[in-house]
Amino acid sequence: MHIQVFGTKKCSDTRKALRFFKERRVKIHFVDLNEKAASPGELRRFVQKFGVDALVERDGRRFQDMGLATAQRGDAWWLETLAEEPGLLRTPLVRNGKKLTVGADEGSWRAWMEAT
């Protein structure tokens, strides 16, 4: 099992995800979104499964600072904006092959562990 975690070091949910997998000695590839943005193609995988609304952190400071509360934009605009502005993403984004989760989803992570 090889896990890829997208998030930021400041995000408590991202730190929970990293700790969860490290405690179980699972190989992790961590992508700090403040250092390297997620590609639109990578984000598209999450959007196809969960939809754009699931990826946008509407309660976050960056969302409010950018004045997006009343924004009515299409998925293509959101993909580009989310790739450029990691502060808008609900993190962590976790990928295990084709299996994906958004946010702290320990239930799904435990199911992945049991399946191996």
Protein backbone atom coordinates (compact mmCIF):
# COMPACT_ATOMS: atom_id res chain seq x y z
CA MET A 1 0.00 0.00 0.00
CA HIS A 2 1.31 3.43 -0.96
CA ILE A 3 -0.60 6.49 0.25
CA GLN A 4 -0.41 9.97 -1.21
CA VAL A 5 -1.49 12.83 1.07
CA PHE A 6 -2.07 16.36 -0.19
CA GLY A 7 -2.29 19.04 2.47
CA THR A 8 -0.37 21.60 4.46
CA LYS A 9 1.77 21.23 7.54
CA LYS A 10 -0.41 23.74 9.39
CA CYS A 11 -3.64 21.76 8.84
CA SER A 12 -4.55 19.65 11.88
CA ASP A 13 -6.54 17.15 9.77
CA THR A 14 -3.55 16.66 7.47
CA ARG A 15 -1.33 16.01 10.48
CA LYS A 16 -3.91 13.47 11.75
CA ALA A 17 -3.82 11.66 8.41
CA LEU A 18 -0.01 11.56 8.37
CA ARG A 19 0.08 10.30 11.95
CA PHE A 20 -2.59 7.66 11.22
CA PHE A 21 -0.55 6.10 8.41
CA LYS A 22 2.83 6.50 10.10
CA GLU A 23 1.56 4.69 13.20
CA ARG A 24 0.62 1.78 10.94
CA ARG A 25 3.97 1.87 9.11
CA VAL A 26 2.40 2.65 5.75
CA LYS A 27 4.56 4.30 3.12
CA ILE A 28 3.39 7.89 2.62
CA HIS A 29 4.13 10.42 -0.09
CA PHE A 30 3.26 13.83 1.37
CA VAL A 31 2.69 16.79 -0.94
CA ASP A 32 2.78 20.09 0.94
CA LEU A 33 0.45 22.30 -1.06
CA ASN A 34 2.22 25.43 0.17
CA GLU A 35 5.42 24.23 -1.50
CA LYS A 36 4.05 22.45 -4.56
CA ALA A 37 0.55 22.92 -5.89
CA ALA A 38 -1.58 19.95 -6.84
CA SER A 39 -1.99 19.65 -10.58
CA PRO A 40 -5.41 20.28 -12.11
CA GLY A 41 -5.35 16.66 -13.33
CA GLU A 42 -4.85 15.36 -9.81
CA LEU A 43 -7.60 17.59 -8.48
CA ARG A 44 -9.87 16.44 -11.31
CA ARG A 45 -9.80 12.89 -9.87
CA PHE A 46 -11.20 14.18 -6.59
CA VAL A 47 -13.75 16.41 -8.34
CA GLN A 48 -15.00 13.50 -10.46
CA LYS A 49 -15.65 11.43 -7.34
CA PHE A 50 -16.82 14.05 -4.83
CA GLY A 51 -17.72 17.17 -6.82
CA VAL A 52 -16.19 20.63 -6.51
CA ASP A 53 -18.24 21.57 -3.45
CA ALA A 54 -16.66 18.79 -1.39
CA LEU A 55 -13.17 20.14 -2.11
CA VAL A 56 -13.82 23.80 -1.31
CA GLU A 57 -13.33 24.86 2.32
CA ARG A 58 -16.11 27.44 2.45
CA ASP A 59 -15.55 28.19 6.13
CA GLY A 60 -11.86 28.93 5.62
CA ARG A 61 -10.20 32.29 5.92
CA ARG A 62 -8.86 32.28 2.35
CA PHE A 63 -12.37 31.70 0.95
CA GLN A 64 -13.67 34.72 2.86
CA ASP A 65 -10.63 36.88 2.00
CA MET A 66 -11.12 36.24 -1.71
CA GLY A 67 -14.82 37.19 -1.48
CA LEU A 68 -16.04 33.94 -3.00
CA ALA A 69 -19.13 33.54 -0.81
CA THR A 70 -21.44 34.62 -3.64
CA ALA A 71 -19.33 33.32 -6.52
CA GLN A 72 -21.15 31.24 -9.10
CA ARG A 73 -18.38 29.62 -11.12
CA GLY A 74 -18.05 26.51 -13.24
CA ASP A 75 -15.99 23.42 -12.43
CA ALA A 76 -13.17 24.45 -14.81
CA TRP A 77 -12.74 27.78 -13.01
CA TRP A 78 -12.74 26.06 -9.62
CA LEU A 79 -10.16 23.49 -10.74
CA GLU A 80 -7.79 26.20 -11.89
CA THR A 81 -8.37 28.31 -8.79
CA LEU A 82 -7.97 25.38 -6.39
CA ALA A 83 -4.68 24.45 -8.05
CA GLU A 84 -3.41 28.03 -7.59
CA GLU A 85 -4.87 28.64 -4.10
CA PRO A 86 -4.29 25.67 -1.76
CA GLY A 87 -5.89 27.64 1.08
CA LEU A 88 -9.26 27.04 -0.57
CA LEU A 89 -8.95 23.24 -0.42
CA ARG A 90 -10.52 21.08 2.25
CA THR A 91 -7.58 18.97 3.31
CA PRO A 92 -6.22 16.39 3.49
CA LEU A 93 -6.80 14.89 0.08
CA VAL A 94 -5.73 11.25 0.43
CA ARG A 95 -5.21 8.81 -2.42
CA ASN A 96 -4.63 5.07 -2.21
CA GLY A 97 -4.41 3.96 -5.83
CA LYS A 98 -7.87 4.74 -7.19
CA LYS A 99 -9.42 5.12 -3.74
CA LEU A 100 -9.83 8.72 -2.59
CA THR A 101 -10.91 10.63 0.50
CA VAL A 102 -11.38 14.31 1.29
CA GLY A 103 -10.84 15.55 4.84
CA ALA A 104 -10.16 13.41 7.89
CA ASP A 105 -11.90 10.12 7.03
CA GLU A 106 -10.43 7.55 9.41
CA GLY A 107 -13.25 5.11 8.69
CA SER A 108 -12.24 4.81 5.05
CA TRP A 109 -8.54 4.65 5.95
CA ARG A 110 -9.23 1.82 8.41
CA ALA A 111 -11.16 -0.05 5.70
CA TRP A 112 -8.16 0.31 3.38
CA MET A 113 -5.91 -1.14 6.07
CA GLU A 114 -8.24 -4.08 6.70
CA ALA A 115 -8.47 -4.83 2.98
CA THR A 116 -4.72 -5.37 2.69
